[in-house]
Amino acid sequence: MTSQEAIGVLMLSPFYFKMSPIDRKKLVQEYCASFNKSAMQQKNSANSKK
């Protein structure tokens, strides 16, 4: 997931706009890392079932 995609998702939350820009940046980075880790785990799980 790209930062732009993450921001698009996170902007749906009213809490996103109450955060400071530094906290927003950290949140976007953490969200991307978590999403990408989850996606890789799902991919690896699907590949191991084949």
PDB file of N, CA and C in Angstrom:
ATOM      1  N   MET A   1       0.847  -1.168   0.000  1.00  0.00           N
ATOM      2  CA  MET A   1       0.000   0.000   0.000  1.00  0.00           C
ATOM      3  C   MET A   1       0.898   1.239   0.000  1.00  0.00           C
ATOM      4  N   THR A   2       0.519   2.180  -0.801  1.00  0.00           N
ATOM      5  CA  THR A   2       1.286   3.421  -0.857  1.00  0.00           C
ATOM      6  C   THR A   2       0.809   4.390   0.227  1.00  0.00           C
ATOM      7  N   SER A   3       1.615   5.399   0.478  1.00  0.00           N
ATOM      8  CA  SER A   3       1.237   6.414   1.463  1.00  0.00           C
ATOM      9  C   SER A   3      -0.036   7.138   1.047  1.00  0.00           C
ATOM     10  N   GLN A   4      -0.174   7.409  -0.237  1.00  0.00           N
ATOM     11  CA  GLN A   4      -1.381   8.101  -0.715  1.00  0.00           C
ATOM     12  C   GLN A   4      -2.624   7.255  -0.488  1.00  0.00           C
ATOM     13  N   GLU A   5      -2.531   5.955  -0.724  1.00  0.00           N
ATOM     14  CA  GLU A   5      -3.679   5.068  -0.485  1.00  0.00           C
ATOM     15  C   GLU A   5      -4.020   5.036   1.000  1.00  0.00           C
ATOM     16  N   ALA A   6      -2.989   4.958   1.844  1.00  0.00           N
ATOM     17  CA  ALA A   6      -3.214   4.924   3.290  1.00  0.00           C
ATOM     18  C   ALA A   6      -3.872   6.220   3.767  1.00  0.00           C
ATOM     19  N   ILE A   7      -3.402   7.351   3.274  1.00  0.00           N
ATOM     20  CA  ILE A   7      -3.990   8.631   3.666  1.00  0.00           C
ATOM     21  C   ILE A   7      -5.460   8.679   3.260  1.00  0.00           C
ATOM     22  N   GLY A   8      -5.774   8.172   2.087  1.00  0.00           N
ATOM     23  CA  GLY A   8      -7.167   8.139   1.635  1.00  0.00           C
ATOM     24  C   GLY A   8      -8.055   7.347   2.578  1.00  0.00           C
ATOM     25  N   VAL A   9      -7.545   6.238   3.085  1.00  0.00           N
ATOM     26  CA  VAL A   9      -8.309   5.417   4.030  1.00  0.00           C
ATOM     27  C   VAL A   9      -8.397   6.114   5.384  1.00  0.00           C
ATOM     28  N   LEU A  10      -7.258   6.601   5.858  1.00  0.00           N
ATOM     29  CA  LEU A  10      -7.216   7.206   7.190  1.00  0.00           C
ATOM     30  C   LEU A  10      -8.016   8.500   7.282  1.00  0.00           C
ATOM     31  N   MET A  11      -8.159   9.204   6.171  1.00  0.00           N
ATOM     32  CA  MET A  11      -8.928  10.440   6.180  1.00  0.00           C
ATOM     33  C   MET A  11     -10.419  10.207   6.429  1.00  0.00           C
ATOM     34  N   LEU A  12     -10.850   8.978   6.339  1.00  0.00           N
ATOM     35  CA  LEU A  12     -12.244   8.656   6.618  1.00  0.00           C
ATOM     36  C   LEU A  12     -12.558   8.755   8.116  1.00  0.00           C
ATOM     37  N   SER A  13     -11.509   8.764   8.920  1.00  0.00           N
ATOM     38  CA  SER A  13     -11.690   8.868  10.365  1.00  0.00           C
ATOM     39  C   SER A  13     -11.580  10.314  10.815  1.00  0.00           C
ATOM     40  N   PRO A  14     -12.517  10.786  11.624  1.00  0.00           N
ATOM     41  CA  PRO A  14     -12.415  12.166  12.125  1.00  0.00           C
ATOM     42  C   PRO A  14     -11.210  12.354  13.045  1.00  0.00           C
ATOM     43  N   PHE A  15     -10.700  11.286  13.626  1.00  0.00           N
ATOM     44  CA  PHE A  15      -9.546  11.382  14.518  1.00  0.00           C
ATOM     45  C   PHE A  15      -8.274  11.747  13.761  1.00  0.00           C
ATOM     46  N   TYR A  16      -8.215  11.400  12.500  1.00  0.00           N
ATOM     47  CA  TYR A  16      -7.040  11.708  11.683  1.00  0.00           C
ATOM     48  C   TYR A  16      -6.780  13.212  11.662  1.00  0.00           C
ATOM     49  N   PHE A  17      -7.822  13.993  11.582  1.00  0.00           N
ATOM     50  CA  PHE A  17      -7.672  15.445  11.470  1.00  0.00           C
ATOM     51  C   PHE A  17      -7.385  16.112  12.809  1.00  0.00           C
ATOM     52  N   LYS A  18      -7.555  15.383  13.899  1.00  0.00           N
ATOM     53  CA  LYS A  18      -7.238  15.926  15.218  1.00  0.00           C
ATOM     54  C   LYS A  18      -5.777  15.700  15.585  1.00  0.00           C
ATOM     55  N   MET A  19      -5.061  14.943  14.753  1.00  0.00           N
ATOM     56  CA  MET A  19      -3.660  14.621  15.030  1.00  0.00           C
ATOM     57  C   MET A  19      -2.747  15.693  14.451  1.00  0.00           C
ATOM     58  N   SER A  20      -1.575  15.811  15.042  1.00  0.00           N
ATOM     59  CA  SER A  20      -0.577  16.739  14.506  1.00  0.00           C
ATOM     60  C   SER A  20      -0.004  16.137  13.213  1.00  0.00           C
ATOM     61  N   PRO A  21       0.567  16.955  12.351  1.00  0.00           N
ATOM     62  CA  PRO A  21       1.157  16.435  11.113  1.00  0.00           C
ATOM     63  C   PRO A  21       2.236  15.366  11.360  1.00  0.00           C
ATOM     64  N   ILE A  22       3.014  15.540  12.401  1.00  0.00           N
ATOM     65  CA  ILE A  22       4.050  14.542  12.717  1.00  0.00           C
ATOM     66  C   ILE A  22       3.406  13.219  13.107  1.00  0.00           C
ATOM     67  N   ASP A  23       2.355  13.280  13.926  1.00  0.00           N
ATOM     68  CA  ASP A  23       1.647  12.064  14.326  1.00  0.00           C
ATOM     69  C   ASP A  23       0.946  11.414  13.136  1.00  0.00           C
ATOM     70  N   ARG A  24       0.416  12.226  12.230  1.00  0.00           N
ATOM     71  CA  ARG A  24      -0.220  11.687  11.019  1.00  0.00           C
ATOM     72  C   ARG A  24       0.792  10.919  10.183  1.00  0.00           C
ATOM     73  N   LYS A  25       1.957  11.503  10.011  1.00  0.00           N
ATOM     74  CA  LYS A  25       2.998  10.849   9.215  1.00  0.00           C
ATOM     75  C   LYS A  25       3.379   9.503   9.827  1.00  0.00           C
ATOM     76  N   LYS A  26       3.543   9.477  11.142  1.00  0.00           N
ATOM     77  CA  LYS A  26       3.876   8.237  11.834  1.00  0.00           C
ATOM     78  C   LYS A  26       2.757   7.207  11.664  1.00  0.00           C
ATOM     79  N   LEU A  27       1.518   7.654  11.799  1.00  0.00           N
ATOM     80  CA  LEU A  27       0.373   6.770  11.636  1.00  0.00           C
ATOM     81  C   LEU A  27       0.336   6.174  10.224  1.00  0.00           C
ATOM     82  N   VAL A  28       0.571   6.995   9.220  1.00  0.00           N
ATOM     83  CA  VAL A  28       0.576   6.513   7.831  1.00  0.00           C
ATOM     84  C   VAL A  28       1.666   5.466   7.651  1.00  0.00           C
ATOM     85  N   GLN A  29       2.840   5.719   8.186  1.00  0.00           N
ATOM     86  CA  GLN A  29       3.945   4.764   8.065  1.00  0.00           C
ATOM     87  C   GLN A  29       3.604   3.439   8.755  1.00  0.00           C
ATOM     88  N   GLU A  30       3.044   3.521   9.957  1.00  0.00           N
ATOM     89  CA  GLU A  30       2.672   2.315  10.698  1.00  0.00           C
ATOM     90  C   GLU A  30       1.548   1.556   9.992  1.00  0.00           C
ATOM     91  N   TYR A  31       0.591   2.290   9.456  1.00  0.00           N
ATOM     92  CA  TYR A  31      -0.533   1.668   8.758  1.00  0.00           C
ATOM     93  C   TYR A  31      -0.040   0.922   7.516  1.00  0.00           C
ATOM     94  N   CYS A  32       0.831   1.567   6.749  1.00  0.00           N
ATOM     95  CA  CYS A  32       1.377   0.927   5.542  1.00  0.00           C
ATOM     96  C   CYS A  32       2.167  -0.328   5.911  1.00  0.00           C
ATOM     97  N   ALA A  33       2.999  -0.225   6.933  1.00  0.00           N
ATOM     98  CA  ALA A  33       3.809  -1.366   7.352  1.00  0.00           C
ATOM     99  C   ALA A  33       2.921  -2.533   7.792  1.00  0.00           C
ATOM    100  N   SER A  34       1.897  -2.221   8.576  1.00  0.00           N
ATOM    101  CA  SER A  34       0.987  -3.262   9.054  1.00  0.00           C
ATOM    102  C   SER A  34       0.217  -3.894   7.899  1.00  0.00           C
ATOM    103  N   PHE A  35      -0.285  -3.059   6.999  1.00  0.00           N
ATOM    104  CA  PHE A  35      -1.041  -3.565   5.857  1.00  0.00           C
ATOM    105  C   PHE A  35      -0.163  -4.453   4.979  1.00  0.00           C
ATOM    106  N   ASN A  36       1.040  -3.980   4.692  1.00  0.00           N
ATOM    107  CA  ASN A  36       1.934  -4.741   3.816  1.00  0.00           C
ATOM    108  C   ASN A  36       2.377  -6.050   4.458  1.00  0.00           C
ATOM    109  N   LYS A  37       2.594  -6.042   5.769  1.00  0.00           N
ATOM    110  CA  LYS A  37       2.957  -7.271   6.481  1.00  0.00           C
ATOM    111  C   LYS A  37       1.810  -8.282   6.389  1.00  0.00           C
ATOM    112  N   SER A  38       0.595  -7.811   6.603  1.00  0.00           N
ATOM    113  CA  SER A  38      -0.577  -8.672   6.528  1.00  0.00           C
ATOM    114  C   SER A  38      -0.762  -9.237   5.119  1.00  0.00           C
ATOM    115  N   ALA A  39      -0.566  -8.394   4.121  1.00  0.00           N
ATOM    116  CA  ALA A  39      -0.708  -8.836   2.733  1.00  0.00           C
ATOM    117  C   ALA A  39       0.324  -9.909   2.399  1.00  0.00           C
ATOM    118  N   MET A  40       1.550  -9.742   2.890  1.00  0.00           N
ATOM    119  CA  MET A  40       2.602 -10.732   2.624  1.00  0.00           C
ATOM    120  C   MET A  40       2.285 -12.057   3.326  1.00  0.00           C
ATOM    121  N   GLN A  41       1.755 -11.989   4.536  1.00  0.00           N
ATOM    122  CA  GLN A  41       1.391 -13.202   5.260  1.00  0.00           C
ATOM    123  C   GLN A  41       0.288 -13.950   4.531  1.00  0.00           C
ATOM    124  N   GLN A  42      -0.693 -13.227   4.024  1.00  0.00           N
ATOM    125  CA  GLN A  42      -1.777 -13.868   3.272  1.00  0.00           C
ATOM    126  C   GLN A  42      -1.251 -14.496   1.996  1.00  0.00           C
ATOM    127  N   LYS A  43      -0.349 -13.802   1.327  1.00  0.00           N
ATOM    128  CA  LYS A  43       0.234 -14.322   0.092  1.00  0.00           C
ATOM    129  C   LYS A  43       1.033 -15.584   0.379  1.00  0.00           C
ATOM    130  N   ASN A  44       1.838 -15.558   1.430  1.00  0.00           N
ATOM    131  CA  ASN A  44       2.631 -16.726   1.793  1.00  0.00           C
ATOM    132  C   ASN A  44       1.743 -17.899   2.204  1.00  0.00           C
ATOM    133  N   SER A  45       0.675 -17.592   2.912  1.00  0.00           N
ATOM    134  CA  SER A  45      -0.263 -18.639   3.317  1.00  0.00           C
ATOM    135  C   SER A  45      -0.940 -19.269   2.104  1.00  0.00           C
ATOM    136  N   ALA A  46      -1.328 -18.466   1.147  1.00  0.00           N
ATOM    137  CA  ALA A  46      -1.973 -18.968  -0.058  1.00  0.00           C
ATOM    138  C   ALA A  46      -0.993 -19.806  -0.878  1.00  0.00           C
ATOM    139  N   ASN A  47       0.253 -19.382  -0.932  1.00  0.00           N
ATOM    140  CA  ASN A  47       1.257 -20.124  -1.693  1.00  0.00           C
ATOM    141  C   ASN A  47       1.594 -21.458  -1.031  1.00  0.00           C
ATOM    142  N   SER A  48       1.555 -21.519   0.290  1.00  0.00           N
ATOM    143  CA  SER A  48       1.883 -22.767   0.989  1.00  0.00           C
ATOM    144  C   SER A  48       0.756 -23.793   0.853  1.00  0.00           C
ATOM    145  N   LYS A  49      -0.451 -23.346   0.548  1.00  0.00           N
ATOM    146  CA  LYS A  49      -1.585 -24.261   0.392  1.00  0.00           C
ATOM    147  C   LYS A  49      -1.614 -24.896  -0.979  1.00  0.00           C
ATOM    148  N   LYS A  50      -0.826 -24.365  -1.913  1.00  0.00           N
ATOM    149  CA  LYS A  50      -0.837 -24.891  -3.280  1.00  0.00           C
ATOM    150  C   LYS A  50      -0.011 -26.137  -3.389  1.00  0.00           C
TER     151      LYS A  50
END
